[in-house]
N, C-alpha and C. Protein backbone atom coordinates (compact mmCIF):
# COMPACT_ATOMS: atom_id res chain seq x y z
N MET A 1 5.44 3.44 14.78
CA MET A 1 6.03 3.53 13.46
C MET A 1 5.48 4.75 12.74
N ALA A 2 6.33 5.64 12.33
CA ALA A 2 5.91 6.84 11.63
C ALA A 2 5.44 6.48 10.22
N GLY A 3 4.41 7.16 9.76
CA GLY A 3 3.91 6.96 8.41
C GLY A 3 2.94 5.80 8.23
N VAL A 4 2.65 5.07 9.28
CA VAL A 4 1.72 3.95 9.17
C VAL A 4 0.34 4.43 9.61
N GLY A 5 -0.67 4.18 8.77
CA GLY A 5 -2.02 4.60 9.10
C GLY A 5 -2.93 3.42 9.39
N LEU A 6 -4.17 3.74 9.70
CA LEU A 6 -5.17 2.72 10.01
C LEU A 6 -5.86 2.18 8.76
N THR A 7 -5.64 2.85 7.63
CA THR A 7 -6.27 2.45 6.37
C THR A 7 -5.22 2.38 5.27
N PRO A 8 -5.51 1.65 4.18
CA PRO A 8 -4.54 1.57 3.08
C PRO A 8 -4.28 2.92 2.42
N TYR A 9 -5.33 3.73 2.27
CA TYR A 9 -5.24 5.03 1.61
C TYR A 9 -4.94 6.10 2.65
N GLN A 10 -4.00 6.99 2.35
CA GLN A 10 -3.61 8.03 3.30
C GLN A 10 -3.75 9.44 2.73
N GLY A 11 -4.53 9.59 1.65
CA GLY A 11 -4.72 10.90 1.05
C GLY A 11 -5.83 11.70 1.71
N LYS A 12 -6.08 12.91 1.17
CA LYS A 12 -7.11 13.80 1.71
C LYS A 12 -8.47 13.62 1.04
N MET A 13 -8.49 13.02 -0.13
CA MET A 13 -9.73 12.89 -0.88
C MET A 13 -10.53 11.67 -0.44
N ARG A 14 -11.79 11.67 -0.80
CA ARG A 14 -12.68 10.53 -0.56
C ARG A 14 -12.20 9.34 -1.38
N ALA A 15 -12.43 8.17 -0.87
CA ALA A 15 -12.11 6.93 -1.59
C ALA A 15 -13.30 5.99 -1.46
N CYS A 16 -13.34 4.98 -2.29
CA CYS A 16 -14.28 3.88 -2.12
C CYS A 16 -13.60 2.87 -1.20
N GLY A 17 -14.36 2.25 -0.34
CA GLY A 17 -13.76 1.32 0.61
C GLY A 17 -14.52 0.02 0.74
N MET A 18 -13.77 -1.05 0.98
CA MET A 18 -14.32 -2.37 1.24
C MET A 18 -14.09 -2.67 2.72
N PHE A 19 -15.15 -3.07 3.41
CA PHE A 19 -15.10 -3.31 4.85
C PHE A 19 -15.46 -4.76 5.16
N HIS A 20 -14.87 -5.30 6.22
CA HIS A 20 -15.21 -6.65 6.68
C HIS A 20 -15.13 -6.68 8.20
N CYS A 21 -16.24 -7.04 8.84
CA CYS A 21 -16.28 -7.20 10.29
C CYS A 21 -15.99 -8.67 10.60
N LYS A 22 -14.87 -8.92 11.25
CA LYS A 22 -14.49 -10.30 11.58
C LYS A 22 -15.41 -10.89 12.64
N LYS A 23 -15.92 -10.05 13.53
CA LYS A 23 -16.80 -10.53 14.60
C LYS A 23 -18.13 -11.05 14.03
N CYS A 24 -18.74 -10.29 13.13
CA CYS A 24 -20.05 -10.65 12.56
C CYS A 24 -19.95 -11.35 11.21
N ASP A 25 -18.78 -11.32 10.61
CA ASP A 25 -18.56 -11.83 9.26
C ASP A 25 -19.43 -11.11 8.24
N LYS A 26 -19.59 -9.79 8.44
CA LYS A 26 -20.36 -8.96 7.50
C LYS A 26 -19.38 -8.20 6.61
N ASN A 27 -19.76 -8.04 5.35
CA ASN A 27 -18.98 -7.28 4.38
C ASN A 27 -19.84 -6.15 3.85
N TRP A 28 -19.22 -5.02 3.55
CA TRP A 28 -19.95 -3.95 2.88
C TRP A 28 -18.98 -3.06 2.12
N PHE A 29 -19.57 -2.31 1.20
CA PHE A 29 -18.85 -1.36 0.36
C PHE A 29 -19.36 0.03 0.68
N SER A 30 -18.48 1.01 0.66
CA SER A 30 -18.90 2.40 0.83
C SER A 30 -18.18 3.27 -0.18
N ALA A 31 -18.93 4.12 -0.86
CA ALA A 31 -18.34 5.09 -1.78
C ALA A 31 -17.84 6.31 -1.02
N ASN A 32 -18.04 6.33 0.30
CA ASN A 32 -17.58 7.43 1.14
C ASN A 32 -16.68 6.87 2.24
N SER A 33 -15.44 6.63 1.86
CA SER A 33 -14.44 6.09 2.76
C SER A 33 -13.29 7.09 2.79
N TRP A 34 -12.70 7.28 3.96
CA TRP A 34 -11.66 8.29 4.15
C TRP A 34 -10.46 7.69 4.86
N ALA A 35 -9.31 8.32 4.72
CA ALA A 35 -8.09 7.84 5.38
C ALA A 35 -8.28 7.82 6.89
N ASN A 36 -7.87 6.73 7.51
CA ASN A 36 -7.87 6.58 8.98
C ASN A 36 -9.24 6.83 9.62
N THR A 37 -10.29 6.46 8.91
CA THR A 37 -11.66 6.70 9.38
C THR A 37 -12.45 5.39 9.34
N PHE A 38 -13.12 5.07 10.44
CA PHE A 38 -13.89 3.83 10.52
C PHE A 38 -15.35 4.04 10.15
N GLN A 39 -16.02 2.93 9.89
CA GLN A 39 -17.47 2.89 9.82
C GLN A 39 -17.91 1.81 10.80
N LYS A 40 -19.03 2.04 11.46
CA LYS A 40 -19.51 1.06 12.42
C LYS A 40 -20.26 -0.06 11.71
N CYS A 41 -20.06 -1.26 12.22
CA CYS A 41 -20.76 -2.44 11.70
C CYS A 41 -22.22 -2.38 12.14
N LYS A 42 -23.14 -2.63 11.22
CA LYS A 42 -24.57 -2.65 11.56
C LYS A 42 -24.91 -3.81 12.49
N GLY A 43 -24.13 -4.88 12.45
CA GLY A 43 -24.42 -6.06 13.25
C GLY A 43 -24.00 -5.94 14.70
N CYS A 44 -22.76 -5.48 14.93
CA CYS A 44 -22.23 -5.46 16.30
C CYS A 44 -21.82 -4.07 16.79
N ASN A 45 -21.93 -3.07 15.92
CA ASN A 45 -21.58 -1.69 16.26
C ASN A 45 -20.07 -1.51 16.45
N GLY A 46 -19.28 -2.47 15.99
CA GLY A 46 -17.82 -2.38 16.10
C GLY A 46 -17.25 -1.36 15.13
N LYS A 47 -16.12 -0.78 15.48
CA LYS A 47 -15.44 0.20 14.62
C LYS A 47 -14.56 -0.56 13.63
N ILE A 48 -14.93 -0.48 12.35
CA ILE A 48 -14.26 -1.25 11.31
C ILE A 48 -13.60 -0.29 10.31
N TYR A 49 -12.32 -0.52 10.07
CA TYR A 49 -11.57 0.26 9.08
C TYR A 49 -11.55 -0.52 7.77
N PRO A 50 -11.54 0.18 6.63
CA PRO A 50 -11.54 -0.53 5.35
C PRO A 50 -10.25 -1.33 5.16
N TYR A 51 -10.39 -2.50 4.58
CA TYR A 51 -9.21 -3.31 4.28
C TYR A 51 -8.68 -3.02 2.87
N LYS A 52 -9.53 -2.39 2.04
CA LYS A 52 -9.13 -2.02 0.68
C LYS A 52 -9.80 -0.70 0.34
N GLN A 53 -9.06 0.20 -0.29
CA GLN A 53 -9.61 1.47 -0.73
C GLN A 53 -9.11 1.76 -2.14
N PHE A 54 -9.96 2.42 -2.93
CA PHE A 54 -9.59 2.74 -4.30
C PHE A 54 -10.31 4.00 -4.73
N GLN A 55 -9.84 4.56 -5.84
CA GLN A 55 -10.39 5.81 -6.36
C GLN A 55 -11.84 5.62 -6.78
N PRO A 56 -12.70 6.60 -6.45
CA PRO A 56 -14.12 6.51 -6.86
C PRO A 56 -14.26 6.52 -8.38
N TRP A 57 -15.30 5.86 -8.86
CA TRP A 57 -15.60 5.86 -10.28
C TRP A 57 -16.09 7.24 -10.68
N LYS A 58 -15.75 7.63 -11.89
CA LYS A 58 -16.21 8.92 -12.40
C LYS A 58 -17.31 8.65 -13.41
N GLY A 59 -18.52 8.82 -12.97
CA GLY A 59 -19.67 8.59 -13.84
C GLY A 59 -20.53 9.84 -13.91
N THR A 60 -21.27 9.97 -14.97
CA THR A 60 -22.14 11.13 -15.13
C THR A 60 -23.60 10.79 -14.90
N GLY A 61 -23.91 9.51 -14.88
CA GLY A 61 -25.30 9.10 -14.72
C GLY A 61 -25.76 9.15 -13.28
N ALA A 62 -27.07 9.15 -13.12
CA ALA A 62 -27.65 9.16 -11.78
C ALA A 62 -27.39 7.81 -11.10
N ARG A 63 -27.20 7.85 -9.81
CA ARG A 63 -26.97 6.63 -9.03
C ARG A 63 -28.32 6.04 -8.67
N LYS A 64 -28.67 4.95 -9.32
CA LYS A 64 -29.97 4.31 -9.07
C LYS A 64 -29.78 3.05 -8.24
N GLY A 65 -30.67 2.86 -7.29
CA GLY A 65 -30.65 1.64 -6.49
C GLY A 65 -29.57 1.59 -5.43
N ILE A 66 -28.87 2.67 -5.22
CA ILE A 66 -27.82 2.71 -4.21
C ILE A 66 -28.40 3.31 -2.93
N PRO A 67 -28.30 2.61 -1.82
CA PRO A 67 -28.86 3.14 -0.57
C PRO A 67 -28.10 4.38 -0.10
N PRO A 68 -28.76 5.25 0.65
CA PRO A 68 -28.08 6.45 1.16
C PRO A 68 -26.96 6.08 2.13
N HIS A 69 -25.98 6.94 2.22
CA HIS A 69 -24.84 6.74 3.12
C HIS A 69 -25.32 6.78 4.57
N PRO A 70 -25.03 5.75 5.37
CA PRO A 70 -25.49 5.72 6.77
C PRO A 70 -24.65 6.63 7.66
N GLN A 71 -25.08 7.87 7.78
CA GLN A 71 -24.32 8.87 8.51
C GLN A 71 -24.13 8.51 9.98
N ASN A 72 -25.06 7.77 10.55
CA ASN A 72 -24.97 7.39 11.96
C ASN A 72 -23.92 6.30 12.21
N LEU A 73 -23.38 5.72 11.14
CA LEU A 73 -22.37 4.68 11.27
C LEU A 73 -20.99 5.13 10.78
N CYS A 74 -20.89 6.34 10.28
CA CYS A 74 -19.66 6.86 9.68
C CYS A 74 -18.95 7.82 10.64
N GLN A 75 -17.70 7.52 10.94
CA GLN A 75 -16.93 8.35 11.86
C GLN A 75 -16.82 9.79 11.37
N ARG A 76 -16.57 9.98 10.08
CA ARG A 76 -16.41 11.33 9.54
C ARG A 76 -17.72 12.12 9.60
N CYS A 77 -18.84 11.48 9.25
CA CYS A 77 -20.14 12.15 9.35
C CYS A 77 -20.44 12.56 10.79
N MET A 78 -20.15 11.65 11.72
CA MET A 78 -20.41 11.95 13.13
C MET A 78 -19.55 13.12 13.60
N LYS A 79 -18.30 13.15 13.16
CA LYS A 79 -17.39 14.23 13.55
C LYS A 79 -17.84 15.57 12.96
N LEU A 80 -18.25 15.56 11.69
CA LEU A 80 -18.68 16.78 11.01
C LEU A 80 -20.08 17.23 11.41
N GLY A 81 -20.91 16.27 11.83
CA GLY A 81 -22.29 16.58 12.15
C GLY A 81 -23.17 16.70 10.92
N ARG A 82 -22.70 16.17 9.79
CA ARG A 82 -23.43 16.21 8.52
C ARG A 82 -22.85 15.17 7.58
N PHE A 83 -23.42 15.05 6.40
CA PHE A 83 -22.96 14.10 5.39
C PHE A 83 -21.52 14.40 4.98
N CYS A 84 -20.65 13.42 5.10
CA CYS A 84 -19.23 13.62 4.82
C CYS A 84 -18.93 13.83 3.34
N GLY A 85 -19.81 13.42 2.45
CA GLY A 85 -19.59 13.60 1.03
C GLY A 85 -19.55 15.06 0.60
N LEU A 86 -20.13 15.95 1.38
CA LEU A 86 -20.09 17.37 1.06
C LEU A 86 -18.68 17.93 1.17
N THR A 87 -17.80 17.24 1.87
CA THR A 87 -16.41 17.65 2.04
C THR A 87 -15.67 17.66 0.71
N ILE A 88 -16.13 16.88 -0.24
CA ILE A 88 -15.48 16.76 -1.54
C ILE A 88 -15.36 18.12 -2.21
N ARG A 89 -16.38 18.94 -2.14
CA ARG A 89 -16.37 20.24 -2.79
C ARG A 89 -15.22 21.11 -2.30
N LYS A 90 -14.91 21.04 -1.01
CA LYS A 90 -13.83 21.83 -0.43
C LYS A 90 -12.51 21.49 -1.12
N TYR A 91 -12.22 20.21 -1.26
CA TYR A 91 -10.96 19.79 -1.86
C TYR A 91 -10.94 20.06 -3.36
N MET A 92 -12.06 19.93 -4.03
CA MET A 92 -12.12 20.19 -5.47
C MET A 92 -11.85 21.67 -5.74
N ALA A 93 -12.33 22.56 -4.89
CA ALA A 93 -12.13 23.99 -5.06
C ALA A 93 -10.67 24.39 -4.86
N GLU A 94 -9.92 23.62 -4.07
CA GLU A 94 -8.53 23.95 -3.79
C GLU A 94 -7.59 23.57 -4.94
N GLU A 95 -8.05 22.71 -5.84
CA GLU A 95 -7.16 22.25 -6.93
C GLU A 95 -7.05 23.27 -8.03
């Protein structure tokens, strides 16, 4: 089927994503979620795509108490060989 993706969001920008591993029954949130991109489950190492994605919050304050993005579990980080959040600057410069 043309136009059907692996994730709800199909844009180029970063999104926030909600993940659920059915095998382990683990849930997690990521502020670095991308279209058609999985994150690996910490429990079983399965490739999990977000079931819900939404626009990131726009805040000016420092992020306190939020753990660092697990680059070793993120498909985009693994593909880029670095933190995928740095990709945001590229798209912001193009606007």
